[in-house]
Amino acid sequence: MVAMLEQFAPEIWIASGPTVTAAAGFHYPTRMAVIRLAGGALFVWSPVALSDALGAAVDDLGEVRYLIAPNALHHTFLAEWRRAYPAAKLYGAPGLRRQRKDLSFDGELGDAPSGEWADEIDQVVFGGNLITTEVVFFHRGSRTVLFTDLIQQFSPGWFRGWRALVARLDLMTSSEPAVPRKFRNAFVNRRLARAARQRILAWPAERVLMAHAPPVSSDGQAFIGRAFRWLRP
């Protein structure tokens, strides 16, 4: 698949990349987002495989200034973006620096946005999970929340055989995007997770982008509330 940019909302574009194989042979589609900040700087979230066509389309939008790996699972294509945009700063989720010692990171994503994008993008660390620590972002201009792996939805025919059964039991093929059971069970620090949930629900979200689910284009705050209803005290 050749990734092509598609405008999703004001100053935010998305592109779908090739499928990747995760543990136990589960195949996942990939999706990235590009947010154009004031002055033309580009914030590239969860980059997918970089092709000449995708690179040209991104370059037409502005200057790639920030490469963002929002959790410790979404790092497959970082090296090729780093080579293509050596002047861009690379930021990774907590723990990723130890995992990818081959990459030179400029900073670790924290519970507050970097001053370089704080005026336009907010963020929170959704911690307390044994599988991965995910950083969730909110683009104020388009009122879009960006989740990586915490919310997922696949079509019923995406997985086959025993994987289809596992996906159904894991809530990965629910009628609405949901937090998979494996992630729910992996939240060993519910207090920390609930604090992140409250911060996210305070954002005036209209849209929601996810790496592994169809985008939500309206009533985003209500959608997020339903997705994390199980996390309420």
C-alpha atoms as a PDB file:
ATOM      1  CA  MET A   1       0.000   0.000   0.000  1.00  0.00           C
ATOM      2  CA  VAL A   2       1.238   3.468  -0.884  1.00  0.00           C
ATOM      3  CA  ALA A   3       0.349   5.887   1.903  1.00  0.00           C
ATOM      4  CA  MET A   4      -1.386   9.059   0.748  1.00  0.00           C
ATOM      5  CA  LEU A   5      -2.281  12.092   2.811  1.00  0.00           C
ATOM      6  CA  GLU A   6      -5.943  12.930   3.362  1.00  0.00           C
ATOM      7  CA  GLN A   7      -7.141  16.012   5.197  1.00  0.00           C
ATOM      8  CA  PHE A   8      -9.110  14.988   8.279  1.00  0.00           C
ATOM      9  CA  ALA A   9      -9.775  18.350   9.938  1.00  0.00           C
ATOM     10  CA  PRO A  10      -8.371  21.880   9.894  1.00  0.00           C
ATOM     11  CA  GLU A  11      -4.550  21.661   9.938  1.00  0.00           C
ATOM     12  CA  ILE A  12      -4.518  17.892  10.433  1.00  0.00           C
ATOM     13  CA  TRP A  13      -3.956  15.179   7.822  1.00  0.00           C
ATOM     14  CA  ILE A  14      -3.889  11.377   8.050  1.00  0.00           C
ATOM     15  CA  ALA A  15      -2.286   8.600   6.003  1.00  0.00           C
ATOM     16  CA  SER A  16      -2.667   4.835   6.151  1.00  0.00           C
ATOM     17  CA  GLY A  17       0.417   2.690   5.790  1.00  0.00           C
ATOM     18  CA  PRO A  18       1.105  -1.028   5.318  1.00  0.00           C
ATOM     19  CA  THR A  19      -0.047  -3.676   7.758  1.00  0.00           C
ATOM     20  CA  VAL A  20       2.458  -4.838  10.346  1.00  0.00           C
ATOM     21  CA  THR A  21       2.697  -8.167  12.149  1.00  0.00           C
ATOM     22  CA  ALA A  22       2.610  -8.122  15.935  1.00  0.00           C
ATOM     23  CA  ALA A  23       2.886 -10.871  18.525  1.00  0.00           C
ATOM     24  CA  ALA A  24       1.282 -14.249  17.725  1.00  0.00           C
ATOM     25  CA  GLY A  25       0.913 -13.295  14.069  1.00  0.00           C
ATOM     26  CA  PHE A  26      -1.793 -10.664  14.515  1.00  0.00           C
ATOM     27  CA  HIS A  27      -1.818  -8.203  11.627  1.00  0.00           C
ATOM     28  CA  TYR A  28      -2.479  -4.528  12.276  1.00  0.00           C
ATOM     29  CA  PRO A  29      -3.083  -1.655   9.856  1.00  0.00           C
ATOM     30  CA  THR A  30      -1.071   1.501  10.437  1.00  0.00           C
ATOM     31  CA  ARG A  31      -2.138   5.133  10.464  1.00  0.00           C
ATOM     32  CA  MET A  32      -0.244   8.355  11.014  1.00  0.00           C
ATOM     33  CA  ALA A  33      -1.278  11.959  11.459  1.00  0.00           C
ATOM     34  CA  VAL A  34       0.410  15.209  10.482  1.00  0.00           C
ATOM     35  CA  ILE A  35      -0.508  18.380  12.356  1.00  0.00           C
ATOM     36  CA  ARG A  36       0.570  21.706  10.905  1.00  0.00           C
ATOM     37  CA  LEU A  37       1.431  24.195  13.599  1.00  0.00           C
ATOM     38  CA  ALA A  38       1.517  27.960  13.289  1.00  0.00           C
ATOM     39  CA  GLY A  39       4.388  29.005  11.067  1.00  0.00           C
ATOM     40  CA  GLY A  40       4.301  25.777   9.060  1.00  0.00           C
ATOM     41  CA  ALA A  41       6.124  23.405  11.430  1.00  0.00           C
ATOM     42  CA  LEU A  42       4.851  19.828  11.113  1.00  0.00           C
ATOM     43  CA  PHE A  43       4.147  17.504  14.051  1.00  0.00           C
ATOM     44  CA  VAL A  44       4.251  13.926  12.711  1.00  0.00           C
ATOM     45  CA  TRP A  45       2.422  11.477  14.987  1.00  0.00           C
ATOM     46  CA  SER A  46       3.083   7.723  14.789  1.00  0.00           C
ATOM     47  CA  PRO A  47       4.833   7.764  11.385  1.00  0.00           C
ATOM     48  CA  VAL A  48       4.058   4.957   8.927  1.00  0.00           C
ATOM     49  CA  ALA A  49       6.377   3.610   6.221  1.00  0.00           C
ATOM     50  CA  LEU A  50       7.895   6.496   4.299  1.00  0.00           C
ATOM     51  CA  SER A  51       7.541   6.430   0.509  1.00  0.00           C
ATOM     52  CA  ASP A  52       8.676   9.045  -1.991  1.00  0.00           C
ATOM     53  CA  ALA A  53       5.052  10.016  -2.634  1.00  0.00           C
ATOM     54  CA  LEU A  54       4.232  10.375   1.059  1.00  0.00           C
ATOM     55  CA  GLY A  55       7.391  12.354   1.713  1.00  0.00           C
ATOM     56  CA  ALA A  56       6.589  14.742  -1.150  1.00  0.00           C
ATOM     57  CA  ALA A  57       3.031  15.240   0.117  1.00  0.00           C
ATOM     58  CA  VAL A  58       4.279  15.936   3.637  1.00  0.00           C
ATOM     59  CA  ASP A  59       6.889  18.373   2.342  1.00  0.00           C
ATOM     60  CA  ASP A  60       4.160  20.279   0.510  1.00  0.00           C
ATOM     61  CA  LEU A  61       2.503  20.976   3.867  1.00  0.00           C
ATOM     62  CA  GLY A  62       5.508  22.498   5.593  1.00  0.00           C
ATOM     63  CA  GLU A  63       8.713  21.605   7.437  1.00  0.00           C
ATOM     64  CA  VAL A  64       8.852  18.365   9.407  1.00  0.00           C
ATOM     65  CA  ARG A  65       9.975  19.611  12.804  1.00  0.00           C
ATOM     66  CA  TYR A  66       8.798  16.938  15.263  1.00  0.00           C
ATOM     67  CA  LEU A  67       8.645  13.143  14.968  1.00  0.00           C
ATOM     68  CA  ILE A  68       6.426  11.608  17.642  1.00  0.00           C
ATOM     69  CA  ALA A  69       6.384   7.989  18.852  1.00  0.00           C
ATOM     70  CA  PRO A  70       3.333   8.030  21.163  1.00  0.00           C
ATOM     71  CA  ASN A  71       3.917   4.651  22.808  1.00  0.00           C
ATOM     72  CA  ALA A  72       6.523   1.906  23.010  1.00  0.00           C
ATOM     73  CA  LEU A  73       4.767  -0.184  20.331  1.00  0.00           C
ATOM     74  CA  HIS A  74       4.707   2.368  17.500  1.00  0.00           C
ATOM     75  CA  HIS A  75       8.336   2.786  16.530  1.00  0.00           C
ATOM     76  CA  THR A  76       8.815   0.525  13.484  1.00  0.00           C
ATOM     77  CA  PHE A  77       9.354   3.297  10.938  1.00  0.00           C
ATOM     78  CA  LEU A  78      11.123   5.903  13.057  1.00  0.00           C
ATOM     79  CA  ALA A  79      14.594   5.249  11.657  1.00  0.00           C
ATOM     80  CA  GLU A  80      13.633   5.972   8.038  1.00  0.00           C
ATOM     81  CA  TRP A  81      11.929   9.240   9.021  1.00  0.00           C
ATOM     82  CA  ARG A  82      14.945  10.168  11.107  1.00  0.00           C
ATOM     83  CA  ARG A  83      17.206   9.627   8.092  1.00  0.00           C
ATOM     84  CA  ALA A  84      14.909  11.590   5.778  1.00  0.00           C
ATOM     85  CA  TYR A  85      14.477  14.493   8.217  1.00  0.00           C
ATOM     86  CA  PRO A  86      17.706  14.738  10.244  1.00  0.00           C
ATOM     87  CA  ALA A  87      16.880  18.265  11.430  1.00  0.00           C
ATOM     88  CA  ALA A  88      13.579  17.136  12.981  1.00  0.00           C
ATOM     89  CA  LYS A  89      13.440  16.434  16.706  1.00  0.00           C
ATOM     90  CA  LEU A  90      12.465  12.922  17.782  1.00  0.00           C
ATOM     91  CA  TYR A  91      10.316  12.471  20.873  1.00  0.00           C
ATOM     92  CA  GLY A  92       9.362   9.075  22.309  1.00  0.00           C
ATOM     93  CA  ALA A  93       6.972   7.775  24.931  1.00  0.00           C
ATOM     94  CA  PRO A  94       8.384   6.866  28.359  1.00  0.00           C
ATOM     95  CA  GLY A  95      10.600   3.795  28.105  1.00  0.00           C
ATOM     96  CA  LEU A  96      11.082   3.834  24.341  1.00  0.00           C
ATOM     97  CA  ARG A  97      14.570   5.308  24.544  1.00  0.00           C
ATOM     98  CA  ARG A  98      15.774   2.153  26.350  1.00  0.00           C
ATOM     99  CA  GLN A  99      14.066  -0.040  23.756  1.00  0.00           C
ATOM    100  CA  ARG A 100      15.456   1.749  20.688  1.00  0.00           C
ATOM    101  CA  LYS A 101      19.062   2.435  21.609  1.00  0.00           C
ATOM    102  CA  ASP A 102      19.853   2.686  17.892  1.00  0.00           C
ATOM    103  CA  LEU A 103      17.972   5.986  17.713  1.00  0.00           C
ATOM    104  CA  SER A 104      19.014   9.360  19.062  1.00  0.00           C
ATOM    105  CA  PHE A 105      16.030  10.874  20.870  1.00  0.00           C
ATOM    106  CA  ASP A 106      15.782  14.587  21.543  1.00  0.00           C
ATOM    107  CA  GLY A 107      13.379  14.166  24.427  1.00  0.00           C
ATOM    108  CA  GLU A 108      10.902  11.977  26.257  1.00  0.00           C
ATOM    109  CA  LEU A 109       7.199  12.751  26.120  1.00  0.00           C
ATOM    110  CA  GLY A 110       5.798  13.694  29.499  1.00  0.00           C
ATOM    111  CA  ASP A 111       2.573  14.633  31.209  1.00  0.00           C
ATOM    112  CA  ALA A 112       2.777  18.182  29.902  1.00  0.00           C
ATOM    113  CA  PRO A 113       3.362  19.349  26.320  1.00  0.00           C
ATOM    114  CA  SER A 114       6.716  20.613  25.192  1.00  0.00           C
ATOM    115  CA  GLY A 115       6.898  24.363  24.966  1.00  0.00           C
ATOM    116  CA  GLU A 116       7.525  23.916  21.244  1.00  0.00           C
ATOM    117  CA  TRP A 117       3.882  22.898  20.651  1.00  0.00           C
ATOM    118  CA  ALA A 118       2.141  23.689  23.957  1.00  0.00           C
ATOM    119  CA  ASP A 119       0.134  26.567  22.471  1.00  0.00           C
ATOM    120  CA  GLU A 120      -1.603  24.236  20.019  1.00  0.00           C
ATOM    121  CA  ILE A 121      -1.338  20.664  21.321  1.00  0.00           C
ATOM    122  CA  ASP A 122      -1.969  19.328  24.819  1.00  0.00           C
ATOM    123  CA  GLN A 123      -0.970  15.881  26.023  1.00  0.00           C
ATOM    124  CA  VAL A 124      -1.245  13.461  28.932  1.00  0.00           C
ATOM    125  CA  VAL A 125       0.578  10.236  29.812  1.00  0.00           C
ATOM    126  CA  PHE A 126      -1.959   7.424  30.160  1.00  0.00           C
ATOM    127  CA  GLY A 127       0.159   5.432  32.579  1.00  0.00           C
ATOM    128  CA  GLY A 128      -0.291   2.507  34.916  1.00  0.00           C
ATOM    129  CA  ASN A 129      -0.409  -0.140  32.168  1.00  0.00           C
ATOM    130  CA  LEU A 130       1.875  -3.187  32.021  1.00  0.00           C
ATOM    131  CA  ILE A 131       1.675  -3.517  28.215  1.00  0.00           C
ATOM    132  CA  THR A 132       2.634  -0.004  27.225  1.00  0.00           C
ATOM    133  CA  THR A 133       2.586   3.598  28.374  1.00  0.00           C
ATOM    134  CA  GLU A 134       0.717   5.709  25.856  1.00  0.00           C
ATOM    135  CA  VAL A 135       0.800   9.472  25.458  1.00  0.00           C
ATOM    136  CA  VAL A 136      -2.556  10.864  24.315  1.00  0.00           C
ATOM    137  CA  PHE A 137      -2.644  14.185  22.440  1.00  0.00           C
ATOM    138  CA  PHE A 138      -5.262  16.887  21.889  1.00  0.00           C
ATOM    139  CA  HIS A 139      -5.038  19.261  18.919  1.00  0.00           C
ATOM    140  CA  ARG A 140      -6.898  22.335  20.076  1.00  0.00           C
ATOM    141  CA  GLY A 141      -7.501  23.868  16.657  1.00  0.00           C
ATOM    142  CA  SER A 142      -9.426  20.898  15.279  1.00  0.00           C
ATOM    143  CA  ARG A 143     -10.590  19.624  18.692  1.00  0.00           C
ATOM    144  CA  THR A 144      -9.098  16.224  17.884  1.00  0.00           C
ATOM    145  CA  VAL A 145      -7.864  13.656  20.412  1.00  0.00           C
ATOM    146  CA  LEU A 146      -5.245  11.173  19.178  1.00  0.00           C
ATOM    147  CA  PHE A 147      -5.106   7.659  20.655  1.00  0.00           C
ATOM    148  CA  THR A 148      -2.644   5.030  19.470  1.00  0.00           C
ATOM    149  CA  ASP A 149      -3.436   1.540  20.816  1.00  0.00           C
ATOM    150  CA  LEU A 150      -5.728   2.131  23.793  1.00  0.00           C
ATOM    151  CA  ILE A 151      -8.882   2.203  21.641  1.00  0.00           C
ATOM    152  CA  GLN A 152      -9.266  -0.255  18.753  1.00  0.00           C
ATOM    153  CA  GLN A 153     -11.847  -1.619  16.324  1.00  0.00           C
ATOM    154  CA  PHE A 154     -11.414  -4.066  13.453  1.00  0.00           C
ATOM    155  CA  SER A 155     -13.996  -5.310  10.990  1.00  0.00           C
ATOM    156  CA  PRO A 156     -15.318  -8.814  11.823  1.00  0.00           C
ATOM    157  CA  GLY A 157     -13.466 -10.331   8.847  1.00  0.00           C
ATOM    158  CA  TRP A 158     -10.095  -8.721   9.512  1.00  0.00           C
ATOM    159  CA  PHE A 159      -8.801 -11.653  11.607  1.00  0.00           C
ATOM    160  CA  ARG A 160      -9.295 -15.300  10.672  1.00  0.00           C
ATOM    161  CA  GLY A 161      -9.334 -18.647  12.475  1.00  0.00           C
ATOM    162  CA  TRP A 162      -8.423 -18.678  16.150  1.00  0.00           C
ATOM    163  CA  ARG A 163      -7.234 -15.068  15.934  1.00  0.00           C
ATOM    164  CA  ALA A 164     -10.781 -13.992  15.031  1.00  0.00           C
ATOM    165  CA  LEU A 165     -12.067 -15.669  18.201  1.00  0.00           C
ATOM    166  CA  VAL A 166      -9.374 -14.059  20.335  1.00  0.00           C
ATOM    167  CA  ALA A 167     -10.106 -10.648  18.781  1.00  0.00           C
ATOM    168  CA  ARG A 168     -13.833 -10.980  19.496  1.00  0.00           C
ATOM    169  CA  LEU A 169     -13.245 -11.980  23.116  1.00  0.00           C
ATOM    170  CA  ASP A 170     -10.756  -9.115  23.440  1.00  0.00           C
ATOM    171  CA  LEU A 171     -13.421  -6.607  22.240  1.00  0.00           C
ATOM    172  CA  MET A 172     -11.323  -5.754  19.199  1.00  0.00           C
ATOM    173  CA  THR A 173     -14.277  -6.345  16.852  1.00  0.00           C
ATOM    174  CA  SER A 174     -16.994  -4.653  18.911  1.00  0.00           C
ATOM    175  CA  SER A 175     -19.710  -2.574  17.261  1.00  0.00           C
ATOM    176  CA  GLU A 176     -17.945   0.594  18.464  1.00  0.00           C
ATOM    177  CA  PRO A 177     -14.218   1.202  19.026  1.00  0.00           C
ATOM    178  CA  ALA A 178     -13.319   0.016  22.521  1.00  0.00           C
ATOM    179  CA  VAL A 179     -10.419  -0.529  24.884  1.00  0.00           C
ATOM    180  CA  PRO A 180      -9.329  -4.173  24.390  1.00  0.00           C
ATOM    181  CA  ARG A 181      -9.681  -6.419  27.433  1.00  0.00           C
ATOM    182  CA  LYS A 182      -5.946  -7.102  27.486  1.00  0.00           C
ATOM    183  CA  PHE A 183      -5.274  -3.395  28.030  1.00  0.00           C
ATOM    184  CA  ARG A 184      -8.028  -3.110  30.651  1.00  0.00           C
ATOM    185  CA  ASN A 185      -6.555  -5.989  32.618  1.00  0.00           C
ATOM    186  CA  ALA A 186      -3.038  -4.577  32.285  1.00  0.00           C
ATOM    187  CA  PHE A 187      -3.928  -1.357  34.150  1.00  0.00           C
ATOM    188  CA  VAL A 188      -2.359  -2.243  37.485  1.00  0.00           C
ATOM    189  CA  ASN A 189      -2.386   1.375  38.661  1.00  0.00           C
ATOM    190  CA  ARG A 190      -6.022   2.394  38.256  1.00  0.00           C
ATOM    191  CA  ARG A 191      -5.532   5.602  40.215  1.00  0.00           C
ATOM    192  CA  LEU A 192      -2.996   6.842  37.684  1.00  0.00           C
ATOM    193  CA  ALA A 193      -5.188   5.737  34.772  1.00  0.00           C
ATOM    194  CA  ARG A 194      -8.287   7.448  36.182  1.00  0.00           C
ATOM    195  CA  ALA A 195      -6.376  10.703  36.572  1.00  0.00           C
ATOM    196  CA  ALA A 196      -5.391  10.568  32.895  1.00  0.00           C
ATOM    197  CA  ARG A 197      -8.997   9.750  31.917  1.00  0.00           C
ATOM    198  CA  GLN A 198     -10.281  12.795  33.806  1.00  0.00           C
ATOM    199  CA  ARG A 199      -7.795  15.088  32.084  1.00  0.00           C
ATOM    200  CA  ILE A 200      -8.753  13.735  28.668  1.00  0.00           C
ATOM    201  CA  LEU A 201     -12.474  14.095  29.364  1.00  0.00           C
ATOM    202  CA  ALA A 202     -11.862  17.738  30.268  1.00  0.00           C
ATOM    203  CA  TRP A 203     -10.735  18.440  26.709  1.00  0.00           C
ATOM    204  CA  PRO A 204     -13.554  19.828  24.494  1.00  0.00           C
ATOM    205  CA  ALA A 205     -13.097  16.983  22.019  1.00  0.00           C
ATOM    206  CA  GLU A 206     -15.139  16.828  18.847  1.00  0.00           C
ATOM    207  CA  ARG A 207     -13.049  14.312  16.856  1.00  0.00           C
ATOM    208  CA  VAL A 208     -11.003  11.241  17.773  1.00  0.00           C
ATOM    209  CA  LEU A 209      -8.222   9.653  15.721  1.00  0.00           C
ATOM    210  CA  MET A 210      -6.981   6.146  16.506  1.00  0.00           C
ATOM    211  CA  ALA A 211      -4.225   4.105  14.889  1.00  0.00           C
ATOM    212  CA  HIS A 212      -6.376   0.964  14.735  1.00  0.00           C
ATOM    213  CA  ALA A 213      -9.996   2.089  14.399  1.00  0.00           C
ATOM    214  CA  PRO A 214     -12.112   4.241  12.098  1.00  0.00           C
ATOM    215  CA  PRO A 215     -11.915   7.940  13.006  1.00  0.00           C
ATOM    216  CA  VAL A 216     -14.718   9.563  14.993  1.00  0.00           C
ATOM    217  CA  SER A 217     -15.821  12.862  13.458  1.00  0.00           C
ATOM    218  CA  SER A 218     -18.373  14.163  15.993  1.00  0.00           C
ATOM    219  CA  ASP A 219     -19.309  13.927  19.687  1.00  0.00           C
ATOM    220  CA  GLY A 220     -15.754  12.880  20.507  1.00  0.00           C
ATOM    221  CA  GLN A 221     -15.980  13.662  24.200  1.00  0.00           C
ATOM    222  CA  ALA A 222     -19.044  11.446  24.624  1.00  0.00           C
ATOM    223  CA  PHE A 223     -17.356   8.672  22.646  1.00  0.00           C
ATOM    224  CA  ILE A 224     -14.269   8.762  24.877  1.00  0.00           C
ATOM    225  CA  GLY A 225     -16.493   8.677  27.945  1.00  0.00           C
ATOM    226  CA  ARG A 226     -18.144   5.487  26.694  1.00  0.00           C
ATOM    227  CA  ALA A 227     -14.823   3.899  25.749  1.00  0.00           C
ATOM    228  CA  PHE A 228     -13.454   4.387  29.272  1.00  0.00           C
ATOM    229  CA  ARG A 229     -16.700   3.909  31.204  1.00  0.00           C
ATOM    230  CA  TRP A 230     -15.259   0.705  32.693  1.00  0.00           C
ATOM    231  CA  LEU A 231     -12.498   2.760  34.339  1.00  0.00           C
ATOM    232  CA  ARG A 232     -14.834   4.828  36.501  1.00  0.00           C
ATOM    233  CA  PRO A 233     -14.424   4.405  40.284  1.00  0.00           C
END
